[in-house]
């Protein structure tokens, strides 16, 4: 029988899964293992669109709710922190903001 993960182990695995999914959604052939020991600003070396970030945020919110059994609002907040800490820079921010002001 498999040993159950502790809460801390689940949180560590969640970080790995979130970063891997971010790169997958952004279309990069990079994984957590490629960046885990880097001390530089690796998250500035790849980009994603604002829409891809929104997709990742939604996926991550659902994933965290299920995996860590936390409420939706807390999962949303955790994803905002994840985006701030490890999120890739946006490749289309100016275009996105221009379109938002036209709405």
C-alpha atoms as a PDB file:
ATOM      1  CA  UNK A   1       0.000   0.000   0.000  1.00  0.00           C
ATOM      2  CA  UNK A   2       1.307   3.451  -0.963  1.00  0.00           C
ATOM      3  CA  UNK A   3       2.226   5.811   1.828  1.00  0.00           C
ATOM      4  CA  UNK A   4       0.047   8.927   2.012  1.00  0.00           C
ATOM      5  CA  UNK A   5       1.747  12.240   1.398  1.00  0.00           C
ATOM      6  CA  UNK A   6       1.951  14.770   4.186  1.00  0.00           C
ATOM      7  CA  UNK A   7       0.408  18.210   3.658  1.00  0.00           C
ATOM      8  CA  UNK A   8       3.885  19.653   3.124  1.00  0.00           C
ATOM      9  CA  UNK A   9       4.700  17.012   0.498  1.00  0.00           C
ATOM     10  CA  UNK A  10       1.408  17.749  -1.269  1.00  0.00           C
ATOM     11  CA  UNK A  11       2.266  21.464  -1.307  1.00  0.00           C
ATOM     12  CA  UNK A  12       5.743  20.777  -2.702  1.00  0.00           C
ATOM     13  CA  UNK A  13       4.267  18.557  -5.411  1.00  0.00           C
ATOM     14  CA  UNK A  14       1.677  21.233  -6.198  1.00  0.00           C
ATOM     15  CA  UNK A  15       4.436  23.780  -6.901  1.00  0.00           C
ATOM     16  CA  UNK A  16       6.097  21.332  -9.296  1.00  0.00           C
ATOM     17  CA  UNK A  17       2.814  20.570 -11.048  1.00  0.00           C
ATOM     18  CA  UNK A  18       1.871  24.251 -11.334  1.00  0.00           C
ATOM     19  CA  UNK A  19       5.202  25.227 -12.890  1.00  0.00           C
ATOM     20  CA  UNK A  20       5.117  22.276 -15.286  1.00  0.00           C
ATOM     21  CA  UNK A  21       1.564  23.163 -16.352  1.00  0.00           C
ATOM     22  CA  UNK A  22       2.517  26.828 -16.819  1.00  0.00           C
ATOM     23  CA  UNK A  23       5.266  25.870 -19.256  1.00  0.00           C
ATOM     24  CA  UNK A  24       2.933  23.413 -21.005  1.00  0.00           C
ATOM     25  CA  UNK A  25       0.167  26.002 -21.482  1.00  0.00           C
ATOM     26  CA  UNK A  26       2.721  28.581 -22.654  1.00  0.00           C
ATOM     27  CA  UNK A  27       4.018  26.081 -25.220  1.00  0.00           C
ATOM     28  CA  UNK A  28       7.573  25.753 -23.921  1.00  0.00           C
ATOM     29  CA  UNK A  29       9.512  22.481 -23.759  1.00  0.00           C
ATOM     30  CA  UNK A  30      10.750  23.249 -20.248  1.00  0.00           C
ATOM     31  CA  UNK A  31       9.950  21.589 -16.930  1.00  0.00           C
ATOM     32  CA  UNK A  32      10.372  22.301 -13.240  1.00  0.00           C
ATOM     33  CA  UNK A  33      13.479  20.100 -13.231  1.00  0.00           C
ATOM     34  CA  UNK A  34      15.092  22.424 -15.799  1.00  0.00           C
ATOM     35  CA  UNK A  35      14.707  25.513 -13.582  1.00  0.00           C
ATOM     36  CA  UNK A  36      14.566  24.257  -9.983  1.00  0.00           C
ATOM     37  CA  UNK A  37      18.209  24.934  -9.078  1.00  0.00           C
ATOM     38  CA  UNK A  38      18.595  28.164 -11.013  1.00  0.00           C
ATOM     39  CA  UNK A  39      19.159  31.318  -8.989  1.00  0.00           C
ATOM     40  CA  UNK A  40      18.734  33.764 -11.890  1.00  0.00           C
ATOM     41  CA  UNK A  41      15.543  35.324 -13.243  1.00  0.00           C
ATOM     42  CA  UNK A  42      14.576  32.255 -15.295  1.00  0.00           C
ATOM     43  CA  UNK A  43      10.893  33.297 -15.325  1.00  0.00           C
ATOM     44  CA  UNK A  44      11.863  36.355 -17.414  1.00  0.00           C
ATOM     45  CA  UNK A  45      13.481  34.226 -20.127  1.00  0.00           C
ATOM     46  CA  UNK A  46      10.234  32.754 -21.433  1.00  0.00           C
ATOM     47  CA  UNK A  47       6.933  34.421 -22.177  1.00  0.00           C
ATOM     48  CA  UNK A  48       3.251  33.632 -22.208  1.00  0.00           C
ATOM     49  CA  UNK A  49       0.222  35.606 -23.303  1.00  0.00           C
ATOM     50  CA  UNK A  50      -2.205  37.146 -20.861  1.00  0.00           C
ATOM     51  CA  UNK A  51      -4.811  34.660 -22.093  1.00  0.00           C
ATOM     52  CA  UNK A  52      -2.467  31.733 -21.433  1.00  0.00           C
ATOM     53  CA  UNK A  53      -1.889  33.091 -17.928  1.00  0.00           C
ATOM     54  CA  UNK A  54      -5.641  33.280 -17.350  1.00  0.00           C
ATOM     55  CA  UNK A  55      -5.967  29.656 -18.533  1.00  0.00           C
ATOM     56  CA  UNK A  56      -3.154  28.614 -16.175  1.00  0.00           C
ATOM     57  CA  UNK A  57      -4.721  30.539 -13.285  1.00  0.00           C
ATOM     58  CA  UNK A  58      -8.060  28.774 -13.804  1.00  0.00           C
ATOM     59  CA  UNK A  59      -6.452  25.341 -14.161  1.00  0.00           C
ATOM     60  CA  UNK A  60      -4.345  25.957 -11.053  1.00  0.00           C
ATOM     61  CA  UNK A  61      -7.309  27.138  -8.996  1.00  0.00           C
ATOM     62  CA  UNK A  62      -9.210  23.928  -9.730  1.00  0.00           C
ATOM     63  CA  UNK A  63      -6.105  21.807  -9.202  1.00  0.00           C
ATOM     64  CA  UNK A  64      -5.354  23.375  -5.809  1.00  0.00           C
ATOM     65  CA  UNK A  65      -8.961  23.047  -4.665  1.00  0.00           C
ATOM     66  CA  UNK A  66      -8.925  19.348  -5.481  1.00  0.00           C
ATOM     67  CA  UNK A  67      -5.378  18.489  -4.413  1.00  0.00           C
ATOM     68  CA  UNK A  68      -4.999  20.599  -1.284  1.00  0.00           C
ATOM     69  CA  UNK A  69      -8.715  20.688  -0.436  1.00  0.00           C
ATOM     70  CA  UNK A  70      -8.844  24.463  -0.076  1.00  0.00           C
ATOM     71  CA  UNK A  71     -11.717  26.843  -0.856  1.00  0.00           C
ATOM     72  CA  UNK A  72     -11.970  28.534  -4.244  1.00  0.00           C
ATOM     73  CA  UNK A  73     -11.048  32.013  -2.974  1.00  0.00           C
ATOM     74  CA  UNK A  74      -7.923  30.739  -1.241  1.00  0.00           C
ATOM     75  CA  UNK A  75      -6.909  28.740  -4.325  1.00  0.00           C
ATOM     76  CA  UNK A  76      -7.386  31.851  -6.452  1.00  0.00           C
ATOM     77  CA  UNK A  77      -5.200  33.851  -4.069  1.00  0.00           C
ATOM     78  CA  UNK A  78      -2.522  31.119  -4.090  1.00  0.00           C
ATOM     79  CA  UNK A  79      -2.489  31.195  -7.896  1.00  0.00           C
ATOM     80  CA  UNK A  80      -2.039  34.964  -7.861  1.00  0.00           C
ATOM     81  CA  UNK A  81       0.975  34.490  -5.572  1.00  0.00           C
ATOM     82  CA  UNK A  82       2.295  31.729  -7.862  1.00  0.00           C
ATOM     83  CA  UNK A  83       1.946  34.005 -10.871  1.00  0.00           C
ATOM     84  CA  UNK A  84       3.717  36.811  -9.048  1.00  0.00           C
ATOM     85  CA  UNK A  85       6.551  34.569  -7.860  1.00  0.00           C
ATOM     86  CA  UNK A  86       7.112  32.237 -10.810  1.00  0.00           C
ATOM     87  CA  UNK A  87       4.867  33.454 -13.602  1.00  0.00           C
ATOM     88  CA  UNK A  88       6.372  34.062 -17.001  1.00  0.00           C
ATOM     89  CA  UNK A  89       6.418  37.583 -18.383  1.00  0.00           C
ATOM     90  CA  UNK A  90       3.624  38.540 -20.756  1.00  0.00           C
ATOM     91  CA  UNK A  91       4.350  38.794 -24.456  1.00  0.00           C
ATOM     92  CA  UNK A  92       1.194  40.757 -25.318  1.00  0.00           C
ATOM     93  CA  UNK A  93       0.488  43.046 -22.370  1.00  0.00           C
ATOM     94  CA  UNK A  94       0.289  46.261 -24.419  1.00  0.00           C
ATOM     95  CA  UNK A  95      -2.079  44.668 -26.927  1.00  0.00           C
ATOM     96  CA  UNK A  96      -4.183  43.223 -24.097  1.00  0.00           C
ATOM     97  CA  UNK A  97      -4.461  46.588 -22.317  1.00  0.00           C
ATOM     98  CA  UNK A  98      -5.322  48.373 -25.578  1.00  0.00           C
ATOM     99  CA  UNK A  99      -8.124  45.897 -26.236  1.00  0.00           C
ATOM    100  CA  UNK A 100      -9.385  46.202 -22.645  1.00  0.00           C
ATOM    101  CA  UNK A 101      -9.706  49.988 -22.926  1.00  0.00           C
ATOM    102  CA  UNK A 102     -11.743  49.621 -26.144  1.00  0.00           C
ATOM    103  CA  UNK A 103     -14.329  47.457 -24.383  1.00  0.00           C
END
